[in-house]
Amino acid sequence: MPRTIAADPGERERLRHAWRTLSVVSMASVLTALGGSALNVALPQVVRQTHASADAASWILLAFQLTTTVLMVVFGRLADLFGRRAMYLGGLATYTVASLLAGLAPDAWVIVALRVVQAAGGAMLLTNSAALVTAAFPKSRLGEGMGVYTASFSIAQLAGPSLGGLFTEHLGWRWVFWYNVPLGIACLVWGAVALRPGPPQGRDRGLDLSGNALVLACLGGLLLALSEVTRLGWGHPMVVSGLVVFAVTLPLFVVRELRARHPVVDIRMFRDLTFALGTLASFLNSTARVGVVLLVSLFFQAVRGEDPVSAAVKVLPLSIAAMAASVASGFLLRRLGPRTVAVAATSLTTAGLAVLLWLISPDVSLAALTAALVLIGVGSGMFLPSNTTAILDGVPSHRLGIVNAMRLMLQNTGVVVGTALVLSIITVPLPAGLHDAVFAGTLSHVSTTAVEQLVTGYRWALACMTAVSALAVLTGFSRGRLAFQGREESGPPKGWPGEAGTSQSAKRS
């Protein structure tokens, strides 16, 4: 008599191991995601206490995002060489030690350096989390595991702003980093117990070190120019140098990746237009929405003169709406399809940004701001699962890992570019001498004229974010038309290099 999965001791043991693995991955995801969302709210207090310049304040955020983006794929390759368990535990240890040292930092630029180390640990974790969950769960239960894993980020986004405000208000800015230490140690101990050692996935894979160096130079040059242009102007040698480095290294990177045996970004994949448009939509969506929490929390502190705790509470509606929409997106995906949901989600985000642009003023009501934040939150919560499904659907099984790594890399690139643009644009109308007061959250104590100038900068930044989000909507519509036109075609997408078998979706059917 056939045994059911529930009655099979081997399956029960596998599920026990799977849920243990998921508990480690979810704890670590909450740990790292909390750090970013808490620091967004705590940044003005960190700036005040460390006497940081506007440039240092920007790079406290940008250094983490840039480093994570650059290292994401290389750590995925290293995990294939040395095993995911070792890489994951190494990431936890690195992140925890860097958090301890960041809390002891004597000035802002030391914090920037330690944020780079933190980011290296975070990249080790992020690139391996989904792979660990996928390997641990049987296919019939993988959806449950991925649902819990995704929810861990929503929990962190929900709790992070409040924790950041509470720590800075009652314990001091150093605890924004120190709270990671006991959590990180607990994750490390539990991970050492729960994660099983496994063989490397493939020792024949190489590393594109020159490609990673070109990514760092390309993005670094662009971000250097964006972060310094408001202070120095477009004609300053440092800004011009950054733009020249970006312009020179970008084509070099493309040429290098086309010739590399193990490219950090397989440029040939972009010959499949549906994949190219999907990743472009992910990049544009990240660029458009990433600065909202930072902008709104800074608005309440710099414009309204409120404390970090009050500012944190007022951005909670966005996180709550995103978490609820993320949970509900599974129901919509089954009935409407991932591409339709992704376009609808981006449209909601665009509408929310447009409403925020229309409303923003020093005396805007909290109810009106909350309504705009809820719209943006619902759109953000629906977009990530739907767009990820749309990108990965139909990808051959042996290409899923690299495609997902590229998706994450481009998504994080959007986060980096969006943060740099927002931090640069909002201070453009202000005199250079007042830029530090913006990030310290004390501008409201300077003058009403300065506050009006900052609100003008907010309008410019939100207009840019709304336009980028509208481009993401158009990209989604274009991808939908291409998918509809190719619906009757069989076999793998023509853009996938070297494919001779059936597509993943064909295999499922």
Protein backbone atom coordinates (compact mmCIF):
# COMPACT_ATOMS: atom_id res chain seq x y z
CA MET A 1 0.00 0.00 0.00
CA PRO A 2 1.55 3.35 -0.98
CA ARG A 3 2.62 5.53 1.89
CA THR A 4 1.69 9.20 2.00
CA ILE A 5 4.29 11.87 2.50
CA ALA A 6 3.08 12.45 6.04
CA ALA A 7 3.57 8.74 6.86
CA ASP A 8 7.07 8.49 5.34
CA PRO A 9 9.71 8.82 8.09
CA GLY A 10 12.26 10.05 5.56
CA GLU A 11 9.95 12.83 4.40
CA ARG A 12 9.11 13.78 7.97
CA GLU A 13 12.81 14.04 8.78
CA ARG A 14 13.42 16.13 5.67
CA LEU A 15 10.62 18.48 6.63
CA ARG A 16 12.01 18.85 10.15
CA HIS A 17 15.38 19.77 8.68
CA ALA A 18 13.68 22.11 6.18
CA TRP A 19 11.83 24.05 8.86
CA ARG A 20 15.01 24.31 10.93
CA THR A 21 16.85 25.66 7.92
CA LEU A 22 14.03 28.09 7.28
CA SER A 23 14.15 29.30 10.90
CA VAL A 24 17.86 30.12 10.53
CA VAL A 25 17.35 31.87 7.19
CA SER A 26 14.34 33.85 8.44
CA MET A 27 16.12 34.95 11.62
CA ALA A 28 19.12 36.15 9.61
CA SER A 29 16.85 37.91 7.09
CA VAL A 30 15.08 39.77 9.89
CA LEU A 31 18.46 40.66 11.41
CA THR A 32 19.91 42.23 8.26
CA ALA A 33 16.69 43.87 7.04
CA LEU A 34 16.09 45.43 10.45
CA GLY A 35 19.50 47.08 10.27
CA GLY A 36 18.71 49.02 7.12
CA SER A 37 15.17 50.11 8.04
CA ALA A 38 16.19 51.12 11.58
CA LEU A 39 19.14 53.17 10.33
CA ASN A 40 16.92 55.11 7.91
CA VAL A 41 15.07 56.60 10.88
CA ALA A 42 18.10 56.86 13.17
CA LEU A 43 20.32 58.59 10.59
CA PRO A 44 19.70 62.19 11.79
CA GLN A 45 20.68 61.23 15.35
CA VAL A 46 23.80 59.43 14.10
CA VAL A 47 24.72 62.52 12.08
CA ARG A 48 24.25 64.85 15.07
CA GLN A 49 26.19 62.72 17.51
CA THR A 50 29.11 62.01 15.17
CA HIS A 51 29.16 65.55 13.68
CA ALA A 52 28.97 63.98 10.24
CA SER A 53 28.96 65.97 7.03
CA ALA A 54 26.21 65.59 4.45
CA ASP A 55 28.59 63.49 2.34
CA ALA A 56 29.33 61.11 5.21
CA ALA A 57 25.62 60.83 5.97
CA SER A 58 24.91 59.82 2.38
CA TRP A 59 27.68 57.23 2.33
CA ILE A 60 26.57 55.63 5.59
CA LEU A 61 23.61 54.40 3.53
CA LEU A 62 25.19 54.14 0.09
CA ALA A 63 28.31 52.21 1.15
CA PHE A 64 26.21 49.27 2.35
CA GLN A 65 24.02 49.18 -0.73
CA LEU A 66 26.87 49.54 -3.23
CA THR A 67 29.02 46.88 -1.56
CA THR A 68 26.14 44.42 -1.32
CA THR A 69 25.34 44.92 -5.00
CA VAL A 70 28.92 44.41 -6.17
CA LEU A 71 29.63 41.35 -4.00
CA MET A 72 26.33 39.53 -4.46
CA VAL A 73 27.26 37.41 -7.46
CA VAL A 74 30.87 36.77 -6.43
CA PHE A 75 29.73 35.33 -3.09
CA GLY A 76 27.22 33.18 -4.93
CA ARG A 77 30.15 31.75 -6.90
CA LEU A 78 32.23 31.24 -3.74
CA ALA A 79 29.33 29.37 -2.14
CA ASP A 80 29.41 26.96 -5.07
CA LEU A 81 33.11 26.41 -4.41
CA PHE A 82 33.12 26.09 -0.62
CA GLY A 83 29.53 25.18 0.33
CA ARG A 84 26.51 27.26 1.30
CA ARG A 85 26.61 26.40 5.01
CA ALA A 86 30.18 27.69 5.42
CA MET A 87 29.39 30.83 3.44
CA TYR A 88 26.20 31.49 5.41
CA LEU A 89 27.82 31.09 8.82
CA GLY A 90 30.73 33.23 7.64
CA GLY A 91 28.27 35.92 6.63
CA LEU A 92 26.57 35.86 10.03
CA ALA A 93 29.92 36.14 11.83
CA THR A 94 31.10 38.99 9.58
CA TYR A 95 27.88 40.97 9.95
CA THR A 96 27.82 40.54 13.75
CA VAL A 97 31.46 41.58 14.32
CA ALA A 98 31.07 44.59 12.01
CA SER A 99 27.95 45.66 13.94
CA LEU A 100 29.84 45.52 17.24
CA LEU A 101 32.69 47.62 15.86
CA ALA A 102 30.33 50.12 14.17
CA GLY A 103 28.77 50.86 17.56
CA LEU A 104 32.28 51.71 18.84
CA ALA A 105 33.16 53.93 15.86
CA PRO A 106 34.63 57.34 16.80
CA ASP A 107 33.38 59.18 13.71
CA ALA A 108 31.10 58.88 10.69
CA TRP A 109 33.72 57.80 8.15
CA VAL A 110 34.73 54.86 10.35
CA ILE A 111 31.04 53.91 10.36
CA VAL A 112 31.09 54.07 6.54
CA ALA A 113 34.09 51.70 6.44
CA LEU A 114 32.42 49.25 8.83
CA ARG A 115 29.20 49.44 6.85
CA VAL A 116 31.23 48.08 3.94
CA VAL A 117 32.26 45.12 6.11
CA GLN A 118 28.65 44.69 7.25
CA ALA A 119 27.58 44.66 3.62
CA ALA A 120 30.06 41.90 2.80
CA GLY A 121 28.43 39.75 5.49
CA GLY A 122 24.98 40.71 4.25
CA ALA A 123 25.88 39.73 0.68
CA MET A 124 26.99 36.28 1.88
CA LEU A 125 23.59 35.85 3.52
CA LEU A 126 21.35 37.29 0.82
CA THR A 127 22.82 35.32 -2.07
CA ASN A 128 22.46 32.01 -0.23
CA SER A 129 19.17 32.37 1.65
CA ALA A 130 16.77 31.38 -1.13
CA ALA A 131 19.12 28.60 -2.29
CA LEU A 132 19.23 27.06 1.21
CA VAL A 133 15.42 27.12 1.46
CA THR A 134 15.00 25.67 -2.04
CA ALA A 135 17.45 22.84 -1.35
CA ALA A 136 15.89 21.99 2.00
CA PHE A 137 12.18 21.82 1.10
CA PRO A 138 10.51 19.19 -1.07
CA LYS A 139 8.87 20.75 -4.11
CA SER A 140 5.38 20.10 -2.77
CA ARG A 141 6.09 22.28 0.30
CA LEU A 142 8.45 24.83 -1.19
CA GLY A 143 5.71 27.44 -1.54
CA GLU A 144 5.11 27.41 2.21
CA GLY A 145 8.80 27.85 2.91
CA MET A 146 9.21 30.70 0.47
CA GLY A 147 6.12 32.41 1.88
CA VAL A 148 7.57 32.43 5.40
CA TYR A 149 10.98 33.52 4.09
CA THR A 150 9.45 36.46 2.21
CA ALA A 151 7.34 37.42 5.23
CA SER A 152 10.51 37.79 7.33
CA PHE A 153 11.49 40.86 5.30
CA SER A 154 8.05 42.39 5.82
CA ILE A 155 8.34 41.87 9.56
CA ALA A 156 11.71 43.62 9.56
CA GLN A 157 10.38 46.52 7.49
CA LEU A 158 7.48 46.86 9.91
CA ALA A 159 9.52 46.78 13.13
CA GLY A 160 12.70 48.49 11.92
CA PRO A 161 11.60 52.15 11.91
CA SER A 162 10.10 51.88 15.41
CA LEU A 163 13.17 50.15 16.79
CA GLY A 164 15.45 52.71 15.18
CA GLY A 165 13.49 55.53 16.76
CA LEU A 166 13.35 53.90 20.19
CA PHE A 167 17.04 53.04 20.28
CA THR A 168 18.23 56.50 19.28
CA GLU A 169 15.79 58.27 21.57
CA HIS A 170 16.35 56.23 24.75
CA LEU A 171 19.63 54.30 24.39
CA GLY A 172 21.70 56.32 21.93
CA TRP A 173 22.66 55.89 18.28
CA ARG A 174 25.26 53.18 19.00
CA TRP A 175 22.49 50.71 19.85
CA VAL A 176 21.25 50.89 16.27
CA PHE A 177 24.32 48.73 15.59
CA TRP A 178 24.77 46.95 18.93
CA TYR A 179 21.34 45.33 19.01
CA ASN A 180 22.56 43.21 16.08
CA VAL A 181 25.22 41.56 18.25
CA PRO A 182 23.10 39.32 20.54
CA LEU A 183 20.74 38.53 17.65
CA GLY A 184 23.66 37.72 15.39
CA ILE A 185 25.27 35.43 17.98
CA ALA A 186 21.96 33.61 18.49
CA CYS A 187 21.57 33.14 14.71
CA LEU A 188 25.16 31.94 14.40
CA VAL A 189 24.80 29.34 17.16
CA TRP A 190 21.46 28.08 15.86
CA GLY A 191 22.78 28.02 12.30
CA ALA A 192 25.77 25.92 13.31
CA VAL A 193 23.35 23.42 14.88
CA ALA A 194 20.55 23.44 12.31
CA LEU A 195 22.32 23.76 8.95
CA ARG A 196 23.70 20.53 7.58
CA PRO A 197 27.10 20.48 5.91
CA GLY A 198 26.71 19.85 2.21
CA PRO A 199 29.04 19.24 -0.71
CA PRO A 200 29.99 22.18 -2.94
CA GLN A 201 27.61 22.61 -5.86
CA GLY A 202 30.27 22.72 -8.55
CA ARG A 203 34.02 23.23 -8.33
CA ASP A 204 34.35 23.88 -12.03
CA ARG A 205 32.87 27.35 -11.74
CA GLY A 206 35.23 30.29 -11.84
CA LEU A 207 35.15 33.86 -10.63
CA ASP A 208 35.01 36.91 -12.88
CA LEU A 209 37.28 39.06 -10.71
CA SER A 210 37.93 41.66 -13.40
CA GLY A 211 34.19 41.89 -14.05
CA ASN A 212 33.52 42.56 -10.37
CA ALA A 213 36.28 45.21 -10.33
CA LEU A 214 34.66 46.92 -13.32
CA VAL A 215 31.25 46.85 -11.59
CA LEU A 216 32.79 48.55 -8.56
CA ALA A 217 34.51 51.20 -10.68
CA CYS A 218 31.43 51.80 -12.84
CA LEU A 219 28.89 52.16 -10.02
CA GLY A 220 31.40 53.85 -7.73
CA GLY A 221 32.12 56.55 -10.30
CA LEU A 222 28.44 57.20 -10.90
CA LEU A 223 27.60 57.36 -7.20
CA LEU A 224 30.57 59.58 -6.41
CA ALA A 225 29.35 62.08 -9.00
CA LEU A 226 25.75 61.95 -7.78
CA SER A 227 26.69 62.36 -4.11
CA GLU A 228 29.02 65.32 -4.68
CA VAL A 229 27.28 67.27 -7.45
CA THR A 230 24.97 69.25 -5.14
CA ARG A 231 27.91 70.41 -3.01
CA LEU A 232 30.53 70.94 -5.72
CA GLY A 233 28.59 71.49 -8.95
CA TRP A 234 28.68 69.68 -12.28
CA GLY A 235 31.95 71.30 -13.36
CA HIS A 236 34.03 70.25 -10.37
CA PRO A 237 36.91 67.85 -11.23
CA MET A 238 35.70 65.23 -8.73
CA VAL A 239 32.20 65.13 -10.24
CA VAL A 240 33.54 65.13 -13.80
CA SER A 241 36.02 62.37 -12.91
CA GLY A 242 33.25 60.20 -11.49
CA LEU A 243 31.13 60.59 -14.61
CA VAL A 244 34.12 59.88 -16.87
CA VAL A 245 34.96 56.70 -14.93
CA PHE A 246 31.34 55.58 -15.28
CA ALA A 247 31.22 56.37 -19.02
CA VAL A 248 34.52 54.60 -19.71
CA THR A 249 34.04 51.50 -17.58
CA LEU A 250 30.45 50.77 -18.63
CA PRO A 251 31.31 49.71 -22.23
CA LEU A 252 34.46 47.97 -20.98
CA PHE A 253 32.29 45.98 -18.57
CA VAL A 254 29.89 44.97 -21.34
CA VAL A 255 32.75 43.83 -23.61
CA ARG A 256 34.43 41.95 -20.75
CA GLU A 257 31.23 40.12 -19.79
CA LEU A 258 30.57 39.04 -23.37
CA ARG A 259 34.01 37.42 -23.51
CA ALA A 260 34.28 36.07 -19.94
CA ARG A 261 34.04 32.32 -19.36
CA HIS A 262 32.27 32.87 -16.02
CA PRO A 263 30.71 36.37 -16.32
CA VAL A 264 29.45 38.17 -13.24
CA VAL A 265 26.54 39.31 -15.44
CA ASP A 266 25.74 37.14 -18.46
CA ILE A 267 24.92 39.87 -20.98
CA ARG A 268 23.64 37.28 -23.48
CA MET A 269 20.63 36.61 -21.27
CA PHE A 270 19.29 40.04 -22.17
CA ARG A 271 18.65 38.84 -25.72
CA ASP A 272 15.43 37.44 -24.28
CA LEU A 273 13.32 40.60 -24.30
CA THR A 274 10.82 39.42 -21.68
CA PHE A 275 13.69 38.76 -19.25
CA ALA A 276 15.36 42.07 -20.16
CA LEU A 277 12.14 44.03 -19.63
CA GLY A 278 11.41 42.19 -16.39
CA THR A 279 14.78 43.05 -14.89
CA LEU A 280 14.48 46.61 -16.21
CA ALA A 281 11.11 46.93 -14.47
CA SER A 282 12.71 45.65 -11.25
CA PHE A 283 15.53 48.20 -11.54
CA LEU A 284 13.15 51.09 -12.26
CA ASN A 285 10.72 50.12 -9.50
CA SER A 286 13.54 49.93 -6.94
CA THR A 287 14.95 53.27 -8.09
CA ALA A 288 11.53 54.93 -7.79
CA ARG A 289 10.36 53.66 -4.40
CA VAL A 290 13.49 53.02 -2.33
CA GLY A 291 13.78 56.55 -0.95
CA VAL A 292 10.21 56.90 0.34
CA VAL A 293 10.76 55.74 3.94
CA LEU A 294 13.95 57.77 4.24
CA LEU A 295 12.32 60.88 2.73
CA VAL A 296 9.21 60.75 4.91
CA SER A 297 11.04 60.01 8.17
CA LEU A 298 13.52 62.81 7.39
CA PHE A 299 10.59 65.11 6.49
CA PHE A 300 9.04 64.78 9.94
CA GLN A 301 12.39 65.44 11.63
CA ALA A 302 13.94 68.11 9.39
CA VAL A 303 10.73 69.95 8.39
CA ARG A 304 8.43 69.32 11.35
CA GLY A 305 11.13 69.13 14.05
CA GLU A 306 9.81 65.84 15.48
CA ASP A 307 11.82 63.20 17.34
CA PRO A 308 12.92 59.89 15.73
CA VAL A 309 10.28 57.80 17.56
CA SER A 310 7.41 59.96 16.32
CA ALA A 311 8.81 59.95 12.78
CA ALA A 312 9.17 56.16 12.87
CA VAL A 313 5.56 55.63 13.93
CA LYS A 314 4.30 57.82 11.11
CA VAL A 315 5.97 55.74 8.38
CA LEU A 316 4.55 52.46 9.74
CA PRO A 317 1.45 52.52 7.47
CA LEU A 318 3.69 51.92 4.44
CA SER A 319 5.26 48.81 5.99
CA ILE A 320 1.91 47.46 7.21
CA ALA A 321 0.35 47.94 3.78
CA ALA A 322 3.35 46.28 2.08
CA MET A 323 3.18 43.25 4.38
CA ALA A 324 -0.57 42.80 3.86
CA ALA A 325 -0.25 43.19 0.08
CA SER A 326 2.62 40.71 -0.05
CA VAL A 327 0.51 38.08 1.69
CA ALA A 328 -2.49 38.78 -0.56
CA SER A 329 -0.45 38.71 -3.75
CA GLY A 330 -0.48 34.88 -3.85
CA PHE A 331 -4.26 34.90 -4.30
CA LEU A 332 -4.01 37.49 -7.09
CA LEU A 333 -1.18 35.66 -8.86
CA ARG A 334 -3.29 32.51 -9.20
CA ARG A 335 -6.16 34.43 -10.81
CA LEU A 336 -4.61 37.26 -12.78
CA GLY A 337 -1.09 36.10 -13.61
CA PRO A 338 2.22 37.54 -12.46
CA ARG A 339 2.72 40.08 -15.25
CA THR A 340 -0.73 41.60 -14.77
CA VAL A 341 -0.23 41.87 -11.02
CA ALA A 342 3.24 43.39 -11.51
CA VAL A 343 1.86 46.12 -13.80
CA ALA A 344 -1.01 46.83 -11.40
CA ALA A 345 1.43 47.01 -8.48
CA THR A 346 3.73 49.46 -10.27
CA SER A 347 0.71 51.55 -11.25
CA LEU A 348 -0.32 51.80 -7.58
CA THR A 349 3.21 52.81 -6.60
CA THR A 350 3.21 55.49 -9.30
CA ALA A 351 -0.17 56.78 -8.12
CA GLY A 352 1.04 56.94 -4.52
CA LEU A 353 4.18 58.86 -5.50
CA ALA A 354 2.11 61.27 -7.58
CA VAL A 355 -0.24 61.88 -4.65
CA LEU A 356 2.75 62.44 -2.35
CA LEU A 357 4.19 64.92 -4.85
CA TRP A 358 0.87 66.76 -5.04
CA LEU A 359 0.43 66.92 -1.25
CA ILE A 360 3.92 67.63 0.04
CA SER A 361 4.16 70.90 1.97
CA PRO A 362 5.31 71.95 5.46
CA ASP A 363 1.75 71.80 6.81
CA VAL A 364 0.43 68.71 4.98
CA SER A 365 -1.97 66.67 7.11
CA LEU A 366 -0.91 63.32 8.52
CA ALA A 367 -4.05 61.63 7.13
CA ALA A 368 -3.22 62.72 3.58
CA LEU A 369 0.40 61.55 3.88
CA THR A 370 -0.77 58.23 5.30
CA ALA A 371 -3.09 57.65 2.34
CA ALA A 372 -0.21 58.19 -0.09
CA LEU A 373 2.07 55.90 1.94
CA VAL A 374 -0.56 53.14 1.94
CA LEU A 375 -0.83 53.31 -1.86
CA ILE A 376 2.94 53.07 -2.22
CA GLY A 377 3.08 50.25 0.35
CA VAL A 378 0.41 48.17 -1.41
CA GLY A 379 2.17 48.60 -4.74
CA SER A 380 5.57 47.70 -3.27
CA GLY A 381 4.22 44.65 -1.45
CA MET A 382 2.56 43.26 -4.58
CA PHE A 383 5.39 44.00 -6.98
CA LEU A 384 8.27 41.92 -5.60
CA PRO A 385 6.62 38.46 -5.57
CA SER A 386 4.76 39.04 -8.85
CA ASN A 387 7.71 40.43 -10.80
CA THR A 388 10.05 37.74 -9.46
CA THR A 389 7.61 35.05 -10.59
CA ALA A 390 7.27 36.69 -14.00
CA ILE A 391 11.06 36.80 -14.46
CA LEU A 392 11.78 33.24 -13.32
CA ASP A 393 8.81 31.58 -15.03
CA GLY A 394 10.06 29.66 -18.08
CA VAL A 395 13.74 29.87 -17.15
CA PRO A 396 15.52 26.50 -17.59
CA SER A 397 16.12 24.87 -14.21
CA HIS A 398 19.92 24.93 -14.45
CA ARG A 399 19.83 28.70 -15.12
CA LEU A 400 17.58 29.70 -12.21
CA GLY A 401 20.48 30.43 -9.85
CA ILE A 402 22.35 32.85 -12.08
CA VAL A 403 19.15 34.51 -13.30
CA ASN A 404 18.00 35.11 -9.73
CA ALA A 405 21.44 36.47 -8.78
CA MET A 406 21.29 38.89 -11.72
CA ARG A 407 17.77 39.94 -10.74
CA LEU A 408 18.95 40.71 -7.21
CA MET A 409 22.02 42.54 -8.46
CA LEU A 410 20.04 44.82 -10.78
CA GLN A 411 17.35 45.34 -8.15
CA ASN A 412 20.01 46.41 -5.64
CA THR A 413 21.60 48.63 -8.28
CA GLY A 414 18.25 50.41 -8.47
CA VAL A 415 18.31 50.80 -4.69
CA VAL A 416 21.79 52.33 -4.85
CA VAL A 417 20.98 54.72 -7.70
CA GLY A 418 17.61 55.69 -6.19
CA THR A 419 19.12 56.47 -2.79
CA ALA A 420 21.92 58.54 -4.34
CA LEU A 421 19.44 60.50 -6.49
CA VAL A 422 17.10 61.23 -3.59
CA LEU A 423 19.86 62.33 -1.22
CA SER A 424 21.34 64.57 -3.92
CA ILE A 425 18.15 66.16 -5.26
CA ILE A 426 16.45 67.17 -1.99
CA THR A 427 19.30 69.51 -1.02
CA VAL A 428 19.69 71.21 -4.43
CA PRO A 429 17.57 74.32 -3.56
CA LEU A 430 19.43 74.84 -0.26
CA PRO A 431 22.71 76.70 0.28
CA ALA A 432 25.61 74.26 0.70
CA GLY A 433 26.09 75.38 4.30
CA LEU A 434 22.67 74.03 5.29
CA HIS A 435 23.04 70.53 3.84
CA ASP A 436 24.39 69.12 7.11
CA ALA A 437 21.35 70.47 9.00
CA VAL A 438 19.04 68.51 6.67
CA PHE A 439 20.57 65.13 7.51
CA ALA A 440 20.89 66.06 11.19
CA GLY A 441 17.13 66.71 11.25
CA THR A 442 17.61 70.23 12.67
CA LEU A 443 16.73 72.35 9.63
CA SER A 444 13.39 73.42 11.16
CA HIS A 445 15.38 75.30 13.84
CA VAL A 446 17.25 77.34 11.22
CA SER A 447 14.57 79.30 9.36
CA THR A 448 11.21 78.92 7.65
CA THR A 449 12.85 79.94 4.37
CA ALA A 450 15.24 77.01 4.61
CA VAL A 451 12.33 74.66 5.28
CA GLU A 452 10.49 75.94 2.20
CA GLN A 453 13.63 75.39 0.14
CA LEU A 454 13.92 71.83 1.40
CA VAL A 455 10.26 71.14 0.55
CA THR A 456 11.01 72.39 -2.96
CA GLY A 457 13.82 69.84 -3.10
CA TYR A 458 11.35 67.20 -1.95
CA ARG A 459 9.04 68.11 -4.82
CA TRP A 460 11.87 67.76 -7.33
CA ALA A 461 12.91 64.40 -5.89
CA LEU A 462 9.33 63.07 -5.84
CA ALA A 463 8.77 64.27 -9.42
CA CYS A 464 11.84 62.31 -10.49
CA MET A 465 10.68 59.22 -8.57
CA THR A 466 7.20 59.45 -10.09
CA ALA A 467 8.61 59.71 -13.61
CA VAL A 468 10.86 56.68 -13.08
CA SER A 469 7.94 54.70 -11.69
CA ALA A 470 5.84 55.63 -14.72
CA LEU A 471 8.62 54.24 -16.93
CA ALA A 472 8.40 51.00 -14.93
CA VAL A 473 4.67 50.82 -15.74
CA LEU A 474 5.37 51.26 -19.46
CA THR A 475 8.07 48.59 -19.27
CA GLY A 476 5.58 46.20 -17.68
CA PHE A 477 3.02 46.83 -20.41
CA SER A 478 5.67 46.19 -23.09
CA ARG A 479 6.67 42.92 -21.45
CA GLY A 480 3.02 41.85 -21.31
CA ARG A 481 2.56 42.47 -25.03
CA LEU A 482 5.68 40.47 -25.85
CA ALA A 483 4.52 37.59 -23.66
CA PHE A 484 1.08 37.62 -25.31
CA GLN A 485 2.59 37.60 -28.81
CA GLY A 486 4.84 34.67 -27.94
CA ARG A 487 2.25 32.63 -26.07
CA GLU A 488 1.85 30.11 -28.88
CA GLU A 489 5.59 29.51 -29.25
CA SER A 490 7.12 26.41 -27.70
CA GLY A 491 10.61 25.62 -26.44
CA PRO A 492 13.00 27.79 -24.48
CA PRO A 493 13.21 31.55 -24.95
CA LYS A 494 15.37 32.36 -27.96
CA GLY A 495 17.52 34.69 -25.89
CA TRP A 496 18.86 31.96 -23.57
CA PRO A 497 22.31 31.04 -24.84
CA GLY A 498 23.09 27.40 -25.39
CA GLU A 499 19.63 26.04 -24.59
CA ALA A 500 18.44 22.98 -26.41
CA GLY A 501 15.84 21.51 -24.08
CA THR A 502 12.41 22.50 -23.04
CA SER A 503 11.63 25.44 -20.84
CA GLN A 504 10.84 25.19 -17.18
CA SER A 505 7.19 25.90 -17.74
CA ALA A 506 7.05 23.24 -20.43
CA LYS A 507 8.57 20.76 -18.02
CA ARG A 508 5.92 21.54 -15.45
CA SER A 509 3.15 20.93 -17.95
